[in-house]
Amino acid sequence: MLNTLNKYKLVLKLYTSTTEIAKSIYKAILPDIYDTPSECTINARIENEYLFLEISCKRINLLRALYNSYFSVISMILHTLEVLYDESTKTSTRSTTDIDTISSFKRKLR
């Protein structure tokens, strides 16, 4: 429920490729939502692949600080998911490279 005394409001609508990613981000930021300054209110919700974040504050500096904080956390989560996805789609060549290196090393010892 929004406090009608809050003067400044920001609505962030974030598209994610899946509902699971939106839920993951939501779960990650939920503890911060419960630890909001008393002069602010934050509402978050998921609609399909979208995460909505509504921040309202009495002072603009608090709104800016919360936005920067949430934006940083969400950016970090998305970057981490991207790196994990990229790593999972790569075929591992390390094992064949290691075997080739060990084999050539053994040949040099002979």
Foldseek 3Di string as FASTA:
>chain_A
DFDPLFDDKDKDKDFDPFQVLLVVLCVVCVVVQVVQPPQKHWDWDDDTRIIMIMITGNDPVSVVVVVVVSVVSSVVSVVVVVVVVVVVPDDDPVVVVVVVVVVVVVVVVD
